[in-house]
Protein backbone atom coordinates (compact mmCIF):
# COMPACT_ATOMS: atom_id res chain seq x y z
CA UNK A 1 85.42 106.06 80.23
CA UNK A 2 82.40 106.43 77.94
CA UNK A 3 80.64 103.58 79.78
CA UNK A 4 81.19 105.25 83.18
CA UNK A 5 79.25 108.30 82.03
CA UNK A 6 76.39 105.93 81.33
CA UNK A 7 76.36 104.97 85.02
CA UNK A 8 74.29 108.14 85.36
CA UNK A 9 70.69 108.17 84.16
CA UNK A 10 68.76 111.37 83.60
CA UNK A 11 65.12 110.62 84.36
CA UNK A 12 62.55 113.42 84.34
CA UNK A 13 65.35 115.91 84.99
CA UNK A 14 66.82 113.95 87.93
CA UNK A 15 70.38 112.61 87.80
CA UNK A 16 70.37 109.02 89.04
CA UNK A 17 73.47 106.99 89.90
CA UNK A 18 73.03 103.39 88.78
CA UNK A 19 75.85 102.43 91.16
CA UNK A 20 73.82 103.67 94.13
CA UNK A 21 70.81 101.58 93.08
CA UNK A 22 73.04 98.54 92.55
CA UNK A 23 74.47 98.95 96.06
CA UNK A 24 70.93 98.81 97.50
CA UNK A 25 69.98 95.80 95.35
CA UNK A 26 73.03 93.90 96.60
CA UNK A 27 71.80 94.27 100.19
CA UNK A 28 68.66 92.23 99.39
CA UNK A 29 69.11 88.77 100.96
CA UNK A 30 68.20 86.92 97.73
CA UNK A 31 70.34 88.93 95.29
CA UNK A 32 73.73 87.60 94.20
CA UNK A 33 74.53 90.08 91.41
CA UNK A 34 72.82 93.22 90.16
CA UNK A 35 73.26 95.80 87.44
CA UNK A 36 71.15 98.83 86.59
CA UNK A 37 70.91 100.56 83.23
CA UNK A 38 68.73 103.25 81.71
CA UNK A 39 65.69 102.06 79.77
CA UNK A 40 64.20 104.44 77.20
CA UNK A 41 60.90 105.95 78.29
CA UNK A 42 58.66 108.20 76.19
CA UNK A 43 57.68 110.37 79.18
CA UNK A 44 60.73 110.44 81.43
CA UNK A 45 63.61 110.06 78.97
CA UNK A 46 65.13 107.07 80.75
CA UNK A 47 64.09 104.99 83.74
CA UNK A 48 66.16 102.63 85.90
CA UNK A 49 65.94 98.99 84.79
CA UNK A 50 67.48 96.41 87.15
CA UNK A 51 69.00 93.13 86.05
CA UNK A 52 69.22 90.70 88.95
CA UNK A 53 70.84 87.31 89.41
CA UNK A 54 69.45 85.55 92.45
CA UNK A 55 71.46 83.46 94.88
CA UNK A 56 71.32 79.70 94.42
CA UNK A 57 68.15 78.24 95.88
CA UNK A 58 66.06 81.33 95.15
CA UNK A 59 63.84 81.71 92.12
CA UNK A 60 61.57 84.35 90.64
CA UNK A 61 57.81 83.96 90.53
CA UNK A 62 55.54 81.74 92.62
CA UNK A 63 54.60 81.81 96.30
CA UNK A 64 57.95 81.24 98.01
CA UNK A 65 60.15 83.17 95.64
CA UNK A 66 61.50 86.60 94.92
CA UNK A 67 59.38 88.62 92.50
CA UNK A 68 60.10 91.80 90.62
CA UNK A 69 57.45 93.57 92.71
CA UNK A 70 59.28 92.52 95.88
CA UNK A 71 62.58 93.87 94.54
CA UNK A 72 60.91 97.15 93.55
CA UNK A 73 59.30 97.47 96.98
CA UNK A 74 62.63 96.70 98.67
CA UNK A 75 64.29 99.51 96.69
CA UNK A 76 61.33 101.81 97.38
CA UNK A 77 61.90 101.40 101.11
CA UNK A 78 65.53 102.49 100.77
CA UNK A 79 65.66 104.94 97.85
CA UNK A 80 63.81 108.08 96.75
CA UNK A 81 60.91 107.25 94.41
CA UNK A 82 62.65 108.63 91.31
CA UNK A 83 65.56 106.19 91.83
CA UNK A 84 63.49 103.02 92.23
CA UNK A 85 63.81 100.63 89.25
CA UNK A 86 60.70 100.62 87.09
CA UNK A 87 61.56 97.20 85.65
CA UNK A 88 63.35 94.13 87.00
CA UNK A 89 64.67 91.35 84.78
CA UNK A 90 65.97 88.14 86.37
CA UNK A 91 68.75 85.96 84.95
CA UNK A 92 72.48 85.65 84.43
CA UNK A 93 74.39 88.84 83.76
CA UNK A 94 76.70 88.98 80.71
CA UNK A 95 80.36 89.19 81.71
CA UNK A 96 83.48 90.02 79.73
CA UNK A 97 86.69 87.98 79.91
CA UNK A 98 87.78 89.75 83.12
CA UNK A 99 84.44 89.14 84.86
CA UNK A 100 83.07 92.67 84.52
CA UNK A 101 79.36 93.07 83.76
CA UNK A 102 78.77 94.14 80.16
CA UNK A 103 76.31 96.96 80.70
CA UNK A 104 76.15 97.81 77.00
CA UNK A 105 74.59 94.37 76.41
CA UNK A 106 72.10 94.99 79.22
CA UNK A 107 71.17 98.41 77.78
CA UNK A 108 70.30 96.78 74.46
CA UNK A 109 68.36 94.03 76.22
CA UNK A 110 66.44 96.49 78.42
CA UNK A 111 65.27 98.46 75.43
CA UNK A 112 64.07 95.54 73.33
CA UNK A 113 63.29 92.62 75.62
CA UNK A 114 60.04 92.04 77.37
CA UNK A 115 60.04 88.88 79.43
CA UNK A 116 57.53 87.16 81.66
CA UNK A 117 59.21 88.23 84.90
CA UNK A 118 59.45 91.94 84.13
CA UNK A 119 57.34 94.41 86.03
CA UNK A 120 56.78 97.79 84.46
CA UNK A 121 55.35 100.42 86.78
CA UNK A 122 54.07 103.67 85.30
CA UNK A 123 51.38 104.37 87.89
């Protein structure tokens, strides 16, 4: 129950449903799995951070691949600006024994990990 309350992010006074962002991410043709968590932000409180696992045969980075900027643009075309993820991290998503995504692990990772294929947009 406590984790479900965390499916809402308050960013700059706006209530954001991570489930709504995840639903949009899953409509991208290259995305197999997606999860969104709140990442701490000094100005906005929290911002949406997307974790994405790509379908087999797709990769992140390079000319013929899916990039974090592409994912952010895709979301920007379908969501209000305040709901668009400000960071995208590619890779496998941690699952519990029943196959549910462990968002608490992703929250920790979002707030301490900086990886090569992360795009942070503050402009």
